[in-house]
Amino acid sequence: MRKEVSYKQIIWLTLPATLSVAMEPLAELVDTAILGHVNTIWLACLAATNTTLGCFAWLFNFLSYGVTAQIAHSLGAGENRRLSELIFTALFLAICIG
């Protein structure tokens, strides 16, 4: 028996991955807007920091995409043991790398 999936359910499943990708540039935008009014030296330091942070975020973005696909597959297949292992491993890697 196949379960029907609605567009609303698909959006709710993709929302966390979309937000995780969108948060880093939004945080940089807010920081730049605030420090742009304060001091140009601080703004220059923030540019270097944002570049470094952006490189690391781009480099480790594979975790977000790869783990999201595997978790969705395990969730759809009803493999609860594999699902919990994937979530634990993803959180462990995120904490260690972060």
PDB file of N, CA and C in Angstrom:
ATOM      1  N   MET A   1       0.840  -1.172   0.000  1.00  0.00           N
ATOM      2  CA  MET A   1       0.000   0.000   0.000  1.00  0.00           C
ATOM      3  C   MET A   1       0.895   1.248   0.000  1.00  0.00           C
ATOM      4  N   ARG A   2       0.644   2.130  -0.929  1.00  0.00           N
ATOM      5  CA  ARG A   2       1.457   3.333  -1.065  1.00  0.00           C
ATOM      6  C   ARG A   2       0.732   4.522  -0.447  1.00  0.00           C
ATOM      7  N   LYS A   3       1.440   5.276   0.348  1.00  0.00           N
ATOM      8  CA  LYS A   3       0.863   6.434   1.014  1.00  0.00           C
ATOM      9  C   LYS A   3       1.000   7.668   0.122  1.00  0.00           C
ATOM     10  N   GLU A   4      -0.070   8.402  -0.030  1.00  0.00           N
ATOM     11  CA  GLU A   4      -0.054   9.628  -0.815  1.00  0.00           C
ATOM     12  C   GLU A   4       0.656  10.730  -0.035  1.00  0.00           C
ATOM     13  N   VAL A   5       1.498  11.467  -0.730  1.00  0.00           N
ATOM     14  CA  VAL A   5       2.239  12.554  -0.118  1.00  0.00           C
ATOM     15  C   VAL A   5       1.757  13.861  -0.728  1.00  0.00           C
ATOM     16  N   SER A   6       1.429  14.816   0.136  1.00  0.00           N
ATOM     17  CA  SER A   6       0.946  16.096  -0.362  1.00  0.00           C
ATOM     18  C   SER A   6       2.098  17.081  -0.501  1.00  0.00           C
ATOM     19  N   TYR A   7       1.851  18.156  -1.223  1.00  0.00           N
ATOM     20  CA  TYR A   7       2.857  19.189  -1.395  1.00  0.00           C
ATOM     21  C   TYR A   7       3.204  19.833  -0.057  1.00  0.00           C
ATOM     22  N   LYS A   8       2.237  19.916   0.823  1.00  0.00           N
ATOM     23  CA  LYS A   8       2.463  20.507   2.143  1.00  0.00           C
ATOM     24  C   LYS A   8       3.478  19.678   2.929  1.00  0.00           C
ATOM     25  N   GLN A   9       3.383  18.367   2.862  1.00  0.00           N
ATOM     26  CA  GLN A   9       4.336  17.503   3.546  1.00  0.00           C
ATOM     27  C   GLN A   9       5.731  17.626   2.944  1.00  0.00           C
ATOM     28  N   ILE A  10       5.820  17.763   1.635  1.00  0.00           N
ATOM     29  CA  ILE A  10       7.116  17.916   0.975  1.00  0.00           C
ATOM     30  C   ILE A  10       7.776  19.224   1.401  1.00  0.00           C
ATOM     31  N   ILE A  11       6.991  20.282   1.465  1.00  0.00           N
ATOM     32  CA  ILE A  11       7.532  21.577   1.889  1.00  0.00           C
ATOM     33  C   ILE A  11       8.024  21.507   3.320  1.00  0.00           C
ATOM     34  N   TRP A  12       7.276  20.873   4.200  1.00  0.00           N
ATOM     35  CA  TRP A  12       7.700  20.749   5.598  1.00  0.00           C
ATOM     36  C   TRP A  12       8.972  19.907   5.727  1.00  0.00           C
ATOM     37  N   LEU A  13       9.173  18.951   4.841  1.00  0.00           N
ATOM     38  CA  LEU A  13      10.400  18.156   4.881  1.00  0.00           C
ATOM     39  C   LEU A  13      11.605  18.928   4.352  1.00  0.00           C
ATOM     40  N   THR A  14      11.397  19.797   3.375  1.00  0.00           N
ATOM     41  CA  THR A  14      12.514  20.534   2.789  1.00  0.00           C
ATOM     42  C   THR A  14      12.823  21.835   3.516  1.00  0.00           C
ATOM     43  N   LEU A  15      11.924  22.299   4.353  1.00  0.00           N
ATOM     44  CA  LEU A  15      12.108  23.575   5.037  1.00  0.00           C
ATOM     45  C   LEU A  15      13.375  23.640   5.896  1.00  0.00           C
ATOM     46  N   PRO A  16      13.704  22.643   6.725  1.00  0.00           N
ATOM     47  CA  PRO A  16      14.930  22.750   7.529  1.00  0.00           C
ATOM     48  C   PRO A  16      16.212  22.852   6.689  1.00  0.00           C
ATOM     49  N   ALA A  17      16.293  22.095   5.621  1.00  0.00           N
ATOM     50  CA  ALA A  17      17.492  22.158   4.778  1.00  0.00           C
ATOM     51  C   ALA A  17      17.588  23.518   4.085  1.00  0.00           C
ATOM     52  N   THR A  18      16.468  24.034   3.641  1.00  0.00           N
ATOM     53  CA  THR A  18      16.468  25.340   2.982  1.00  0.00           C
ATOM     54  C   THR A  18      16.876  26.443   3.949  1.00  0.00           C
ATOM     55  N   LEU A  19      16.352  26.395   5.159  1.00  0.00           N
ATOM     56  CA  LEU A  19      16.706  27.410   6.152  1.00  0.00           C
ATOM     57  C   LEU A  19      18.170  27.315   6.567  1.00  0.00           C
ATOM     58  N   SER A  20      18.696  26.109   6.659  1.00  0.00           N
ATOM     59  CA  SER A  20      20.103  25.977   7.049  1.00  0.00           C
ATOM     60  C   SER A  20      21.028  26.559   5.990  1.00  0.00           C
ATOM     61  N   VAL A  21      20.641  26.470   4.737  1.00  0.00           N
ATOM     62  CA  VAL A  21      21.453  27.041   3.667  1.00  0.00           C
ATOM     63  C   VAL A  21      21.297  28.562   3.622  1.00  0.00           C
ATOM     64  N   ALA A  22      20.123  29.069   3.952  1.00  0.00           N
ATOM     65  CA  ALA A  22      19.858  30.499   3.842  1.00  0.00           C
ATOM     66  C   ALA A  22      20.325  31.301   5.056  1.00  0.00           C
ATOM     67  N   MET A  23      20.551  30.679   6.192  1.00  0.00           N
ATOM     68  CA  MET A  23      20.871  31.428   7.404  1.00  0.00           C
ATOM     69  C   MET A  23      22.255  32.087   7.367  1.00  0.00           C
ATOM     70  N   GLU A  24      23.227  31.433   6.796  1.00  0.00           N
ATOM     71  CA  GLU A  24      24.588  31.977   6.794  1.00  0.00           C
ATOM     72  C   GLU A  24      24.682  33.290   6.005  1.00  0.00           C
ATOM     73  N   PRO A  25      24.165  33.368   4.783  1.00  0.00           N
ATOM     74  CA  PRO A  25      24.223  34.665   4.081  1.00  0.00           C
ATOM     75  C   PRO A  25      23.371  35.743   4.754  1.00  0.00           C
ATOM     76  N   LEU A  26      22.253  35.358   5.346  1.00  0.00           N
ATOM     77  CA  LEU A  26      21.425  36.347   6.038  1.00  0.00           C
ATOM     78  C   LEU A  26      22.133  36.908   7.267  1.00  0.00           C
ATOM     79  N   ALA A  27      22.841  36.051   8.006  1.00  0.00           N
ATOM     80  CA  ALA A  27      23.601  36.530   9.163  1.00  0.00           C
ATOM     81  C   ALA A  27      24.715  37.477   8.728  1.00  0.00           C
ATOM     82  N   GLU A  28      25.379  37.155   7.632  1.00  0.00           N
ATOM     83  CA  GLU A  28      26.432  38.034   7.116  1.00  0.00           C
ATOM     84  C   GLU A  28      25.861  39.382   6.671  1.00  0.00           C
ATOM     85  N   LEU A  29      24.691  39.359   6.073  1.00  0.00           N
ATOM     86  CA  LEU A  29      24.050  40.592   5.631  1.00  0.00           C
ATOM     87  C   LEU A  29      23.702  41.495   6.808  1.00  0.00           C
ATOM     88  N   VAL A  30      23.163  40.906   7.865  1.00  0.00           N
ATOM     89  CA  VAL A  30      22.809  41.692   9.061  1.00  0.00           C
ATOM     90  C   VAL A  30      24.065  42.250   9.718  1.00  0.00           C
ATOM     91  N   ASP A  31      25.108  41.427   9.851  1.00  0.00           N
ATOM     92  CA  ASP A  31      26.360  41.902  10.437  1.00  0.00           C
ATOM     93  C   ASP A  31      26.958  43.045   9.636  1.00  0.00           C
ATOM     94  N   THR A  32      26.948  42.929   8.330  1.00  0.00           N
ATOM     95  CA  THR A  32      27.493  43.972   7.474  1.00  0.00           C
ATOM     96  C   THR A  32      26.689  45.266   7.590  1.00  0.00           C
ATOM     97  N   ALA A  33      25.379  45.142   7.651  1.00  0.00           N
ATOM     98  CA  ALA A  33      24.531  46.332   7.771  1.00  0.00           C
ATOM     99  C   ALA A  33      24.768  47.050   9.093  1.00  0.00           C
ATOM    100  N   ILE A  34      24.958  46.302  10.162  1.00  0.00           N
ATOM    101  CA  ILE A  34      25.171  46.924  11.468  1.00  0.00           C
ATOM    102  C   ILE A  34      26.563  47.544  11.554  1.00  0.00           C
ATOM    103  N   LEU A  35      27.590  46.793  11.184  1.00  0.00           N
ATOM    104  CA  LEU A  35      28.956  47.305  11.298  1.00  0.00           C
ATOM    105  C   LEU A  35      29.284  48.356  10.244  1.00  0.00           C
ATOM    106  N   GLY A  36      28.540  48.395   9.164  1.00  0.00           N
ATOM    107  CA  GLY A  36      28.754  49.419   8.154  1.00  0.00           C
ATOM    108  C   GLY A  36      28.469  50.813   8.675  1.00  0.00           C
ATOM    109  N   HIS A  37      27.622  50.895   9.667  1.00  0.00           N
ATOM    110  CA  HIS A  37      27.289  52.189  10.265  1.00  0.00           C
ATOM    111  C   HIS A  37      28.231  52.563  11.405  1.00  0.00           C
ATOM    112  N   VAL A  38      29.020  51.629  11.882  1.00  0.00           N
ATOM    113  CA  VAL A  38      29.852  51.867  13.061  1.00  0.00           C
ATOM    114  C   VAL A  38      31.244  52.355  12.687  1.00  0.00           C
ATOM    115  N   ASN A  39      31.987  51.509  11.937  1.00  0.00           N
ATOM    116  CA  ASN A  39      33.392  51.824  11.696  1.00  0.00           C
ATOM    117  C   ASN A  39      33.854  51.078  10.451  1.00  0.00           C
ATOM    118  N   THR A  40      34.669  51.725   9.635  1.00  0.00           N
ATOM    119  CA  THR A  40      35.141  51.068   8.414  1.00  0.00           C
ATOM    120  C   THR A  40      36.207  50.009   8.701  1.00  0.00           C
ATOM    121  N   ILE A  41      36.981  50.179   9.755  1.00  0.00           N
ATOM    122  CA  ILE A  41      37.984  49.173  10.119  1.00  0.00           C
ATOM    123  C   ILE A  41      37.282  47.878  10.527  1.00  0.00           C
ATOM    124  N   TRP A  42      36.238  47.993  11.328  1.00  0.00           N
ATOM    125  CA  TRP A  42      35.481  46.810  11.746  1.00  0.00           C
ATOM    126  C   TRP A  42      34.817  46.146  10.545  1.00  0.00           C
ATOM    127  N   LEU A  43      34.368  46.971   9.607  1.00  0.00           N
ATOM    128  CA  LEU A  43      33.742  46.427   8.402  1.00  0.00           C
ATOM    129  C   LEU A  43      34.755  45.646   7.564  1.00  0.00           C
ATOM    130  N   ALA A  44      35.984  46.123   7.498  1.00  0.00           N
ATOM    131  CA  ALA A  44      37.033  45.405   6.766  1.00  0.00           C
ATOM    132  C   ALA A  44      37.361  44.079   7.452  1.00  0.00           C
ATOM    133  N   CYS A  45      37.418  44.079   8.773  1.00  0.00           N
ATOM    134  CA  CYS A  45      37.658  42.833   9.512  1.00  0.00           C
ATOM    135  C   CYS A  45      36.508  41.858   9.313  1.00  0.00           C
ATOM    136  N   LEU A  46      35.296  42.381   9.281  1.00  0.00           N
ATOM    137  CA  LEU A  46      34.126  41.528   9.066  1.00  0.00           C
ATOM    138  C   LEU A  46      34.147  40.912   7.673  1.00  0.00           C
ATOM    139  N   ALA A  47      34.640  41.644   6.688  1.00  0.00           N
ATOM    140  CA  ALA A  47      34.728  41.095   5.332  1.00  0.00           C
ATOM    141  C   ALA A  47      35.660  39.895   5.289  1.00  0.00           C
ATOM    142  N   ALA A  48      36.795  39.992   5.970  1.00  0.00           N
ATOM    143  CA  ALA A  48      37.720  38.858   6.020  1.00  0.00           C
ATOM    144  C   ALA A  48      37.090  37.681   6.759  1.00  0.00           C
ATOM    145  N   THR A  49      36.408  37.965   7.836  1.00  0.00           N
ATOM    146  CA  THR A  49      35.746  36.907   8.613  1.00  0.00           C
ATOM    147  C   THR A  49      34.634  36.254   7.808  1.00  0.00           C
ATOM    148  N   ASN A  50      33.836  37.055   7.122  1.00  0.00           N
ATOM    149  CA  ASN A  50      32.743  36.508   6.317  1.00  0.00           C
ATOM    150  C   ASN A  50      33.263  35.649   5.166  1.00  0.00           C
ATOM    151  N   THR A  51      34.377  36.044   4.594  1.00  0.00           N
ATOM    152  CA  THR A  51      34.965  35.245   3.519  1.00  0.00           C
ATOM    153  C   THR A  51      35.422  33.889   4.041  1.00  0.00           C
ATOM    154  N   THR A  52      36.084  33.887   5.186  1.00  0.00           N
ATOM    155  CA  THR A  52      36.537  32.632   5.788  1.00  0.00           C
ATOM    156  C   THR A  52      35.357  31.751   6.178  1.00  0.00           C
ATOM    157  N   LEU A  53      34.370  32.350   6.829  1.00  0.00           N
ATOM    158  CA  LEU A  53      33.178  31.599   7.228  1.00  0.00           C
ATOM    159  C   LEU A  53      32.435  31.059   6.019  1.00  0.00           C
ATOM    160  N   GLY A  54      32.348  31.858   4.961  1.00  0.00           N
ATOM    161  CA  GLY A  54      31.678  31.411   3.741  1.00  0.00           C
ATOM    162  C   GLY A  54      32.387  30.231   3.094  1.00  0.00           C
ATOM    163  N   CYS A  55      33.712  30.246   3.127  1.00  0.00           N
ATOM    164  CA  CYS A  55      34.473  29.122   2.564  1.00  0.00           C
ATOM    165  C   CYS A  55      34.223  27.842   3.343  1.00  0.00           C
ATOM    166  N   PHE A  56      34.227  27.925   4.675  1.00  0.00           N
ATOM    167  CA  PHE A  56      33.959  26.744   5.486  1.00  0.00           C
ATOM    168  C   PHE A  56      32.520  26.266   5.329  1.00  0.00           C
ATOM    169  N   ALA A  57      31.587  27.200   5.247  1.00  0.00           N
ATOM    170  CA  ALA A  57      30.186  26.811   5.063  1.00  0.00           C
ATOM    171  C   ALA A  57      29.998  26.123   3.717  1.00  0.00           C
ATOM    172  N   TRP A  58      30.632  26.630   2.688  1.00  0.00           N
ATOM    173  CA  TRP A  58      30.533  26.009   1.370  1.00  0.00           C
ATOM    174  C   TRP A  58      31.208  24.642   1.370  1.00  0.00           C
ATOM    175  N   LEU A  59      32.361  24.542   2.034  1.00  0.00           N
ATOM    176  CA  LEU A  59      33.119  23.307   2.059  1.00  0.00           C
ATOM    177  C   LEU A  59      32.356  22.185   2.764  1.00  0.00           C
ATOM    178  N   PHE A  60      31.699  22.497   3.876  1.00  0.00           N
ATOM    179  CA  PHE A  60      31.009  21.478   4.658  1.00  0.00           C
ATOM    180  C   PHE A  60      29.518  21.394   4.365  1.00  0.00           C
ATOM    181  N   ASN A  61      29.080  22.044   3.315  1.00  0.00           N
ATOM    182  CA  ASN A  61      27.671  22.001   2.941  1.00  0.00           C
ATOM    183  C   ASN A  61      27.253  20.610   2.474  1.00  0.00           C
ATOM    184  N   PHE A  62      28.221  19.781   2.112  1.00  0.00           N
ATOM    185  CA  PHE A  62      27.898  18.419   1.702  1.00  0.00           C
ATOM    186  C   PHE A  62      27.213  17.658   2.832  1.00  0.00           C
ATOM    187  N   LEU A  63      27.515  18.003   4.073  1.00  0.00           N
ATOM    188  CA  LEU A  63      26.863  17.324   5.201  1.00  0.00           C
ATOM    189  C   LEU A  63      25.356  17.576   5.190  1.00  0.00           C
ATOM    190  N   SER A  64      24.995  18.813   4.934  1.00  0.00           N
ATOM    191  CA  SER A  64      23.575  19.154   4.906  1.00  0.00           C
ATOM    192  C   SER A  64      22.835  18.405   3.813  1.00  0.00           C
ATOM    193  N   TYR A  65      23.387  18.411   2.614  1.00  0.00           N
ATOM    194  CA  TYR A  65      22.714  17.764   1.494  1.00  0.00           C
ATOM    195  C   TYR A  65      22.746  16.250   1.598  1.00  0.00           C
ATOM    196  N   GLY A  66      23.901  15.699   1.910  1.00  0.00           N
ATOM    197  CA  GLY A  66      24.037  14.241   1.974  1.00  0.00           C
ATOM    198  C   GLY A  66      23.230  13.615   3.086  1.00  0.00           C
ATOM    199  N   VAL A  67      23.285  14.214   4.258  1.00  0.00           N
ATOM    200  CA  VAL A  67      22.566  13.655   5.400  1.00  0.00           C
ATOM    201  C   VAL A  67      21.059  13.837   5.229  1.00  0.00           C
ATOM    202  N   THR A  68      20.636  14.955   4.671  1.00  0.00           N
ATOM    203  CA  THR A  68      19.203  15.168   4.466  1.00  0.00           C
ATOM    204  C   THR A  68      18.616  14.101   3.558  1.00  0.00           C
ATOM    205  N   ALA A  69      19.312  13.772   2.493  1.00  0.00           N
ATOM    206  CA  ALA A  69      18.823  12.741   1.570  1.00  0.00           C
ATOM    207  C   ALA A  69      18.776  11.370   2.236  1.00  0.00           C
ATOM    208  N   GLN A  70      19.805  11.042   3.001  1.00  0.00           N
ATOM    209  CA  GLN A  70      19.823   9.738   3.665  1.00  0.00           C
ATOM    210  C   GLN A  70      18.757   9.638   4.748  1.00  0.00           C
ATOM    211  N   ILE A  71      18.551  10.710   5.489  1.00  0.00           N
ATOM    212  CA  ILE A  71      17.520  10.706   6.537  1.00  0.00           C
ATOM    213  C   ILE A  71      16.142  10.596   5.911  1.00  0.00           C
ATOM    214  N   ALA A  72      15.903  11.309   4.814  1.00  0.00           N
ATOM    215  CA  ALA A  72      14.603  11.219   4.140  1.00  0.00           C
ATOM    216  C   ALA A  72      14.358   9.809   3.620  1.00  0.00           C
ATOM    217  N   HIS A  73      15.390   9.190   3.084  1.00  0.00           N
ATOM    218  CA  HIS A  73      15.245   7.819   2.581  1.00  0.00           C
ATOM    219  C   HIS A  73      14.940   6.854   3.725  1.00  0.00           C
ATOM    220  N   SER A  74      15.659   6.969   4.825  1.00  0.00           N
ATOM    221  CA  SER A  74      15.428   6.084   5.970  1.00  0.00           C
ATOM    222  C   SER A  74      14.052   6.319   6.586  1.00  0.00           C
ATOM    223  N   LEU A  75      13.625   7.565   6.624  1.00  0.00           N
ATOM    224  CA  LEU A  75      12.306   7.886   7.167  1.00  0.00           C
ATOM    225  C   LEU A  75      11.211   7.312   6.289  1.00  0.00           C
ATOM    226  N   GLY A  76      11.372   7.436   4.979  1.00  0.00           N
ATOM    227  CA  GLY A  76      10.378   6.904   4.054  1.00  0.00           C
ATOM    228  C   GLY A  76      10.324   5.390   4.055  1.00  0.00           C
ATOM    229  N   ALA A  77      11.467   4.747   4.293  1.00  0.00           N
ATOM    230  CA  ALA A  77      11.519   3.286   4.305  1.00  0.00           C
ATOM    231  C   ALA A  77      11.118   2.707   5.656  1.00  0.00           C
ATOM    232  N   GLY A  78      10.955   3.562   6.655  1.00  0.00           N
ATOM    233  CA  GLY A  78      10.567   3.091   7.978  1.00  0.00           C
ATOM    234  C   GLY A  78      11.699   2.425   8.744  1.00  0.00           C
ATOM    235  N   GLU A  79      12.938   2.747   8.395  1.00  0.00           N
ATOM    236  CA  GLU A  79      14.100   2.182   9.067  1.00  0.00           C
ATOM    237  C   GLU A  79      14.479   3.066  10.257  1.00  0.00           C
ATOM    238  N   ASN A  80      13.804   2.843  11.376  1.00  0.00           N
ATOM    239  CA  ASN A  80      13.988   3.718  12.533  1.00  0.00           C
ATOM    240  C   ASN A  80      15.381   3.598  13.154  1.00  0.00           C
ATOM    241  N   ARG A  81      15.933   2.395  13.161  1.00  0.00           N
ATOM    242  CA  ARG A  81      17.275   2.227  13.734  1.00  0.00           C
ATOM    243  C   ARG A  81      18.320   2.992  12.904  1.00  0.00           C
ATOM    244  N   ARG A  82      18.257   2.841  11.615  1.00  0.00           N
ATOM    245  CA  ARG A  82      19.182   3.558  10.717  1.00  0.00           C
ATOM    246  C   ARG A  82      18.964   5.066  10.821  1.00  0.00           C
ATOM    247  N   LEU A  83      17.713   5.472  10.962  1.00  0.00           N
ATOM    248  CA  LEU A  83      17.387   6.887  11.091  1.00  0.00           C
ATOM    249  C   LEU A  83      18.035   7.485  12.335  1.00  0.00           C
ATOM    250  N   SER A  84      17.918   6.801  13.461  1.00  0.00           N
ATOM    251  CA  SER A  84      18.525   7.328  14.687  1.00  0.00           C
ATOM    252  C   SER A  84      20.046   7.340  14.599  1.00  0.00           C
ATOM    253  N   GLU A  85      20.640   6.352  13.940  1.00  0.00           N
ATOM    254  CA  GLU A  85      22.094   6.341  13.757  1.00  0.00           C
ATOM    255  C   GLU A  85      22.548   7.513  12.896  1.00  0.00           C
ATOM    256  N   LEU A  86      21.812   7.795  11.835  1.00  0.00           N
ATOM    257  CA  LEU A  86      22.166   8.916  10.959  1.00  0.00           C
ATOM    258  C   LEU A  86      22.049  10.250  11.684  1.00  0.00           C
ATOM    259  N   ILE A  87      20.990  10.418  12.438  1.00  0.00           N
ATOM    260  CA  ILE A  87      20.792  11.677  13.162  1.00  0.00           C
ATOM    261  C   ILE A  87      21.893  11.869  14.193  1.00  0.00           C
ATOM    262  N   PHE A  88      22.220  10.802  14.932  1.00  0.00           N
ATOM    263  CA  PHE A  88      23.286  10.900  15.929  1.00  0.00           C
ATOM    264  C   PHE A  88      24.620  11.237  15.269  1.00  0.00           C
ATOM    265  N   THR A  89      24.936  10.571  14.175  1.00  0.00           N
ATOM    266  CA  THR A  89      26.201  10.823  13.479  1.00  0.00           C
ATOM    267  C   THR A  89      26.258  12.243  12.930  1.00  0.00           C
ATOM    268  N   ALA A  90      25.161  12.713  12.357  1.00  0.00           N
ATOM    269  CA  ALA A  90      25.128  14.074  11.803  1.00  0.00           C
ATOM    270  C   ALA A  90      25.303  15.118  12.906  1.00  0.00           C
ATOM    271  N   LEU A  91      24.629  14.927  14.031  1.00  0.00           N
ATOM    272  CA  LEU A  91      24.775  15.879  15.130  1.00  0.00           C
ATOM    273  C   LEU A  91      26.187  15.834  15.710  1.00  0.00           C
ATOM    274  N   PHE A  92      26.761  14.646  15.814  1.00  0.00           N
ATOM    275  CA  PHE A  92      28.120  14.512  16.325  1.00  0.00           C
ATOM    276  C   PHE A  92      29.116  15.241  15.420  1.00  0.00           C
ATOM    277  N   LEU A  93      28.993  15.032  14.110  1.00  0.00           N
ATOM    278  CA  LEU A  93      29.880  15.718  13.170  1.00  0.00           C
ATOM    279  C   LEU A  93      29.684  17.224  13.197  1.00  0.00           C
ATOM    280  N   ALA A  94      28.442  17.663  13.303  1.00  0.00           N
ATOM    281  CA  ALA A  94      28.166  19.104  13.335  1.00  0.00           C
ATOM    282  C   ALA A  94      28.777  19.751  14.587  1.00  0.00           C
ATOM    283  N   ILE A  95      28.699  19.068  15.720  1.00  0.00           N
ATOM    284  CA  ILE A  95      29.271  19.600  16.945  1.00  0.00           C
ATOM    285  C   ILE A  95      30.798  19.601  16.868  1.00  0.00           C
ATOM    286  N   CYS A  96      31.368  18.521  16.368  1.00  0.00           N
ATOM    287  CA  CYS A  96      32.837  18.443  16.273  1.00  0.00           C
ATOM    288  C   CYS A  96      33.407  19.449  15.289  1.00  0.00           C
ATOM    289  N   ILE A  97      32.782  19.584  14.140  1.00  0.00           N
ATOM    290  CA  ILE A  97      33.286  20.505  13.127  1.00  0.00           C
ATOM    291  C   ILE A  97      32.989  21.954  13.530  1.00  0.00           C
ATOM    292  N   GLY A  98      31.810  22.158  14.116  1.00  0.00           N
ATOM    293  CA  GLY A  98      31.418  23.511  14.508  1.00  0.00           C
ATOM    294  C   GLY A  98      32.238  24.031  15.640  1.00  0.00           C
TER     295      GLY A  98
END
